[in-house]
Amino acid sequence: MKTIIKDLRTAAGLTQQQLANRVRVTVRTINSIERGEYNPSLVLAYKIAQVFHTTVEELCCLKENVECEENQDEDHK
């Protein structure tokens, strides 16, 4: 989920502070999620999904698809 949240945030033109304000957490929490040091609660994941007009399930699935694509790219090298 970490890569997807950062990608969605930057694509939306949001800073970590702006996202943190929207979901009512600290910048440190957003930073930790993006670095993979913290897994958000279901409630927080839902709030983040709402900001990006998606679902928690899609956030999770998108991450899996990115990892699959990265693995396929490494296999072709």
Protein backbone atom coordinates (compact mmCIF):
# COMPACT_ATOMS: atom_id res chain seq x y z
CA MET A 1 0.00 0.00 0.00
CA LYS A 2 2.91 2.33 0.65
CA THR A 3 3.86 2.92 -2.99
CA ILE A 4 0.28 3.35 -4.10
CA ILE A 5 -0.53 5.97 -1.49
CA LYS A 6 2.53 8.01 -2.37
CA ASP A 7 1.80 7.70 -6.10
CA LEU A 8 -1.84 8.69 -5.64
CA ARG A 9 -0.87 11.58 -3.39
CA THR A 10 1.69 13.01 -5.76
CA ALA A 11 -0.58 12.50 -8.78
CA ALA A 12 -3.28 14.46 -6.93
CA GLY A 13 -0.78 17.22 -6.21
CA LEU A 14 -1.07 16.79 -2.46
CA THR A 15 1.72 17.16 0.05
CA GLN A 16 2.04 14.77 2.94
CA GLN A 17 0.80 17.59 5.20
CA GLN A 18 -2.32 18.12 3.08
CA LEU A 19 -3.15 14.41 3.06
CA ALA A 20 -2.53 14.21 6.79
CA ASN A 21 -4.90 17.12 7.37
CA ARG A 22 -7.60 15.52 5.24
CA VAL A 23 -7.51 12.21 7.11
CA ARG A 24 -6.76 13.81 10.50
CA VAL A 25 -3.42 12.21 11.28
CA THR A 26 0.10 13.56 11.63
CA VAL A 27 2.53 14.03 8.77
CA ARG A 28 4.72 11.49 10.54
CA THR A 29 1.96 8.88 10.17
CA ILE A 30 1.63 9.52 6.42
CA ASN A 31 5.41 9.44 6.05
CA SER A 32 5.61 6.15 7.95
CA ILE A 33 2.88 4.60 5.79
CA GLU A 34 4.62 5.71 2.60
CA ARG A 35 7.92 4.23 3.78
CA GLY A 36 6.25 0.96 4.73
CA GLU A 37 7.04 1.35 8.41
CA TYR A 38 3.39 1.52 9.48
CA ASN A 39 0.27 -0.25 8.27
CA PRO A 40 -2.78 1.96 8.58
CA SER A 41 -5.83 0.78 10.49
CA LEU A 42 -8.87 -0.17 8.45
CA VAL A 43 -10.51 3.13 9.42
CA LEU A 44 -7.48 5.14 8.28
CA ALA A 45 -7.17 3.13 5.06
CA TYR A 46 -10.84 3.88 4.38
CA LYS A 47 -10.28 7.62 4.94
CA ILE A 48 -7.28 7.59 2.60
CA ALA A 49 -9.28 5.71 -0.03
CA GLN A 50 -12.05 8.31 0.22
CA VAL A 51 -9.58 11.13 -0.44
CA PHE A 52 -8.56 9.44 -3.68
CA HIS A 53 -12.12 8.38 -4.64
CA THR A 54 -11.26 4.70 -4.52
CA THR A 55 -11.80 1.77 -2.18
CA VAL A 56 -9.56 0.05 0.34
CA GLU A 57 -9.78 -3.07 -1.81
CA GLU A 58 -8.54 -1.18 -4.86
CA LEU A 59 -5.66 0.30 -2.87
CA CYS A 60 -4.60 -3.21 -1.91
CA CYS A 61 -5.12 -4.67 -5.38
CA LEU A 62 -3.22 -1.84 -7.02
CA LYS A 63 -0.23 -2.58 -4.80
CA GLU A 64 -0.31 -6.25 -5.76
CA ASN A 65 -0.47 -5.35 -9.47
CA VAL A 66 2.53 -3.04 -9.17
CA GLU A 67 4.54 -5.74 -7.42
CA CYS A 68 3.59 -8.25 -10.10
CA GLU A 69 4.64 -5.85 -12.86
CA GLU A 70 7.95 -5.15 -11.11
CA ASN A 71 8.63 -8.89 -10.82
CA GLN A 72 7.82 -9.40 -14.50
CA ASP A 73 10.17 -6.56 -15.45
CA GLU A 74 12.98 -8.18 -13.42
CA ASP A 75 12.31 -11.52 -15.13
CA HIS A 76 12.77 -9.92 -18.55
CA LYS A 77 16.18 -8.42 -17.73
